[in-house]
Amino acid sequence: MDIKNIGVALVAVVIAIFALFTGGSSNLGGSTDSGYNATANGVYAVDGTTVIDGSGNWVGAITGTTGTLSTLSLSGLFTANAGSVASYSLATTTAATTYTLTAADIGNYDTIRQTLTGGATTFTLPATSTLTSLVPSAGDRAETCWMPLTNTLTFAAGTGIDMMVATSTGNSSAHDLSITAGGVGCIKWFRQTDTDITAGLIEYENAD
């Protein structure tokens, strides 16, 4: 038995155990009299419907009320039907008045709630050579929003960063790169055809 078939067999054992405790529930597309079988070519089927193909890919639907995964990697389109997708937020504090961001500071966070205890602060964006995991391929896009809770946060371009702003962005003048306390500044990262990245800043300031 090769490694692939061993893996399929293990999946079969796990599903069989699951079926014992659930009475063959429909989480994997079965019913109370479901038939589970693994064929010689590595295909695993439930009630005659293939859920794992001969290459080891899960091709069937997975349904349920609750699921927990430590990491989920998708190669196709993600759709939430009548549901909500929560953002990934970070709360952090910086005492320095000048700081060069690292890729780890940005991570995959949607929003960063930034407390600036040293006063007005300038963040220099990371060198593009360190952001390959954020936007790996030409045309890839990501977005990070900063929310300075105290003092003013100003951005500066790092090596390989092509900094841009929306024509309407700015709390004092066009092409402003600062965000006042209580405002929000969102940077959209666009990977160019070389290793450079366009960082487009859109700023939101109090309007009432």
Protein backbone atom coordinates (compact mmCIF):
# COMPACT_ATOMS: atom_id res chain seq x y z
CA MET A 1 0.00 0.00 0.00
CA ASP A 2 1.51 3.36 -1.04
CA ILE A 3 1.53 6.50 1.12
CA LYS A 4 -1.49 8.01 -0.64
CA ASN A 5 -3.62 4.93 -0.03
CA ILE A 6 -2.44 4.78 3.58
CA GLY A 7 -3.61 8.39 3.99
CA VAL A 8 -6.97 7.58 2.43
CA ALA A 9 -7.31 4.55 4.68
CA LEU A 10 -6.65 6.71 7.73
CA VAL A 11 -9.32 9.17 6.57
CA ALA A 12 -11.69 6.22 6.20
CA VAL A 13 -11.01 5.12 9.77
CA VAL A 14 -11.59 8.64 11.11
CA ILE A 15 -14.87 8.97 9.21
CA ALA A 16 -15.98 5.53 10.34
CA ILE A 17 -15.34 6.46 13.98
CA PHE A 18 -17.19 9.72 13.43
CA ALA A 19 -20.12 7.78 12.01
CA LEU A 20 -20.29 5.55 15.09
CA PHE A 21 -20.74 8.55 17.38
CA THR A 22 -23.15 10.45 15.13
CA GLY A 23 -25.25 7.60 13.82
CA GLY A 24 -24.06 8.28 10.29
CA SER A 25 -25.09 11.93 10.33
CA SER A 26 -25.17 14.02 7.18
CA ASN A 27 -22.06 16.12 7.88
CA LEU A 28 -20.22 14.22 5.15
CA GLY A 29 -23.17 13.88 2.85
CA GLY A 30 -24.40 10.55 4.25
CA SER A 31 -27.52 9.37 6.05
CA THR A 32 -28.28 6.90 8.84
CA ASP A 33 -27.69 3.99 6.45
CA SER A 34 -24.70 5.54 4.67
CA GLY A 35 -22.21 3.37 2.86
CA TYR A 36 -18.53 4.34 3.16
CA ASN A 37 -15.96 2.73 0.90
CA ALA A 38 -12.42 3.31 -0.36
CA THR A 39 -11.52 1.89 -3.75
CA ALA A 40 -8.19 0.49 -4.89
CA ASN A 41 -7.23 3.64 -6.82
CA GLY A 42 -7.47 5.82 -3.71
CA VAL A 43 -10.97 7.20 -4.33
CA TYR A 44 -13.13 7.51 -1.20
CA ALA A 45 -16.90 7.64 -1.61
CA VAL A 46 -19.87 8.25 0.66
CA ASP A 47 -23.26 6.91 -0.52
CA GLY A 48 -21.75 6.48 -3.97
CA THR A 49 -20.58 10.11 -4.17
CA THR A 50 -16.84 10.73 -4.43
CA VAL A 51 -15.50 12.95 -1.66
CA ILE A 52 -11.77 12.24 -2.13
CA ASP A 53 -10.48 11.72 -5.66
CA GLY A 54 -7.62 9.50 -6.83
CA SER A 55 -5.13 12.37 -6.33
CA GLY A 56 -6.06 12.83 -2.68
CA ASN A 57 -8.10 16.01 -3.24
CA TRP A 58 -11.29 16.57 -1.23
CA VAL A 59 -13.97 17.18 -3.85
CA GLY A 60 -17.20 16.71 -1.90
CA ALA A 61 -19.22 19.24 0.06
CA ILE A 62 -18.61 19.64 3.78
CA THR A 63 -21.59 20.87 5.79
CA GLY A 64 -22.13 21.42 9.46
CA THR A 65 -23.10 23.96 12.08
CA THR A 66 -19.65 24.57 13.60
CA GLY A 67 -16.10 23.97 12.42
CA THR A 68 -12.72 24.98 13.83
CA LEU A 69 -9.50 25.05 11.83
CA SER A 70 -6.13 26.40 12.92
CA THR A 71 -5.16 27.26 9.32
CA LEU A 72 -7.22 27.22 6.14
CA SER A 73 -5.65 27.64 2.71
CA LEU A 74 -7.95 28.15 -0.28
CA SER A 75 -6.96 28.13 -3.94
CA GLY A 76 -10.43 28.99 -5.24
CA LEU A 77 -13.14 31.57 -4.58
CA PHE A 78 -14.39 31.86 -0.99
CA THR A 79 -18.11 32.56 -0.64
CA ALA A 80 -20.06 33.19 2.56
CA ASN A 81 -23.76 32.60 1.96
CA ALA A 82 -25.77 35.03 4.08
CA GLY A 83 -23.01 35.00 6.65
CA SER A 84 -20.34 37.36 7.91
CA VAL A 85 -16.56 37.11 7.79
CA ALA A 86 -14.89 38.70 10.80
CA SER A 87 -11.79 40.82 10.34
CA TYR A 88 -8.39 40.05 11.83
CA SER A 89 -7.44 42.86 14.21
CA LEU A 90 -4.40 43.73 16.32
CA ALA A 91 -4.05 46.19 19.21
CA THR A 92 -0.48 47.36 19.78
CA THR A 93 1.52 50.15 21.42
CA THR A 94 4.60 52.00 20.14
CA ALA A 95 6.71 54.42 22.18
CA ALA A 96 9.20 55.36 19.43
CA THR A 97 8.57 58.48 17.34
CA THR A 98 10.18 56.89 14.26
CA TYR A 99 9.87 53.21 13.45
CA THR A 100 10.46 51.00 10.42
CA LEU A 101 7.70 48.44 10.09
CA THR A 102 8.51 44.78 9.49
CA ALA A 103 6.49 42.18 7.63
CA ALA A 104 5.60 40.65 11.01
CA ASP A 105 4.12 43.98 12.17
CA ILE A 106 1.74 43.89 9.23
CA GLY A 107 1.14 40.14 9.16
CA ASN A 108 -2.27 39.41 7.67
CA TYR A 109 -4.05 41.90 9.90
CA ASP A 110 -7.05 43.76 8.48
CA THR A 111 -6.93 46.48 11.13
CA ILE A 112 -4.20 47.63 13.51
CA ARG A 113 -5.35 49.72 16.48
CA GLN A 114 -2.22 51.72 17.25
CA THR A 115 -1.50 53.51 20.52
CA LEU A 116 1.37 56.02 20.11
CA THR A 117 2.71 56.89 23.55
CA GLY A 118 5.75 58.89 22.39
CA GLY A 119 3.80 61.55 20.51
CA ALA A 120 3.45 62.06 16.76
CA THR A 121 5.08 59.08 15.05
CA THR A 122 6.36 58.20 11.58
CA PHE A 123 6.15 54.63 10.32
CA THR A 124 8.42 53.75 7.40
CA LEU A 125 6.93 50.92 5.35
CA PRO A 126 8.97 47.70 5.02
CA ALA A 127 11.25 47.00 2.07
CA THR A 128 9.30 45.19 -0.63
CA SER A 129 11.75 42.28 -0.56
CA THR A 130 10.32 41.37 2.86
CA LEU A 131 6.67 41.45 1.78
CA THR A 132 6.61 38.56 -0.68
CA SER A 133 4.20 36.57 1.50
CA LEU A 134 1.74 39.48 1.68
CA VAL A 135 1.43 39.93 -2.10
CA PRO A 136 3.43 37.11 -3.72
CA SER A 137 2.63 37.53 -7.42
CA ALA A 138 2.24 40.41 -9.87
CA GLY A 139 -1.26 41.88 -9.57
CA ASP A 140 -1.90 40.45 -6.09
CA ARG A 141 -3.62 42.85 -3.69
CA ALA A 142 -3.94 43.09 0.09
CA GLU A 143 -5.13 45.79 2.46
CA THR A 144 -4.12 46.92 5.97
CA CYS A 145 -5.87 49.68 7.93
CA TRP A 146 -4.27 51.60 10.80
CA MET A 147 -6.33 53.30 13.49
CA PRO A 148 -4.13 55.60 15.61
CA LEU A 149 -5.88 55.91 18.96
CA THR A 150 -3.51 58.59 20.28
CA ASN A 151 -1.38 61.18 18.45
CA THR A 152 -0.76 61.51 14.71
CA LEU A 153 0.61 58.68 12.58
CA THR A 154 2.53 59.50 9.39
CA PHE A 155 3.67 57.01 6.76
CA ALA A 156 6.88 57.06 4.72
CA ALA A 157 7.82 54.83 1.79
CA GLY A 158 10.34 52.04 2.29
CA THR A 159 12.75 50.57 -0.25
CA GLY A 160 10.87 49.51 -3.38
CA ILE A 161 7.59 51.04 -2.19
CA ASP A 162 5.77 53.31 -4.64
CA MET A 163 3.62 55.40 -2.30
CA MET A 164 0.34 56.79 -3.66
CA VAL A 165 -2.68 58.56 -2.19
CA ALA A 166 -6.21 59.10 -3.39
CA THR A 167 -6.63 62.62 -4.77
CA SER A 168 -9.16 63.36 -2.04
CA THR A 169 -7.01 62.00 0.79
CA GLY A 170 -5.48 64.37 3.32
CA ASN A 171 -6.41 66.03 6.59
CA SER A 172 -4.67 69.29 5.73
CA SER A 173 -3.72 69.14 2.06
CA ALA A 174 -3.79 66.85 -0.94
CA HIS A 175 -1.23 64.01 -0.88
CA ASP A 176 -1.08 64.05 2.90
CA LEU A 177 0.40 60.90 4.46
CA SER A 178 -0.64 61.51 8.07
CA ILE A 179 -3.60 60.22 10.05
CA THR A 180 -4.76 62.11 13.12
CA ALA A 181 -5.82 60.37 16.32
CA GLY A 182 -9.25 58.86 15.86
CA GLY A 183 -8.86 58.66 12.08
CA VAL A 184 -8.28 55.62 9.89
CA GLY A 185 -5.71 55.12 7.16
CA CYS A 186 -5.97 52.11 4.85
CA ILE A 187 -3.09 51.02 2.63
CA LYS A 188 -3.82 48.83 -0.36
CA TRP A 189 -0.77 46.82 -1.40
CA PHE A 190 -0.40 45.99 -5.11
CA ARG A 191 2.45 43.76 -6.31
CA GLN A 192 3.96 45.15 -9.52
CA THR A 193 5.51 43.04 -12.29
CA ASP A 194 8.90 43.35 -10.61
CA THR A 195 9.48 43.10 -6.85
CA ASP A 196 8.20 46.65 -6.21
CA ILE A 197 4.89 47.29 -4.48
CA THR A 198 2.44 50.15 -4.95
CA ALA A 199 1.09 51.24 -1.56
CA GLY A 200 -2.10 53.25 -2.02
CA LEU A 201 -3.21 55.19 1.07
CA ILE A 202 -6.81 56.18 1.62
CA GLU A 203 -7.46 58.31 4.68
CA TYR A 204 -10.63 58.70 6.72
CA GLU A 205 -10.87 61.62 9.14
CA ASN A 206 -13.64 62.88 11.43
CA ALA A 207 -16.31 64.68 9.45
CA ASP A 208 -18.84 65.52 12.17
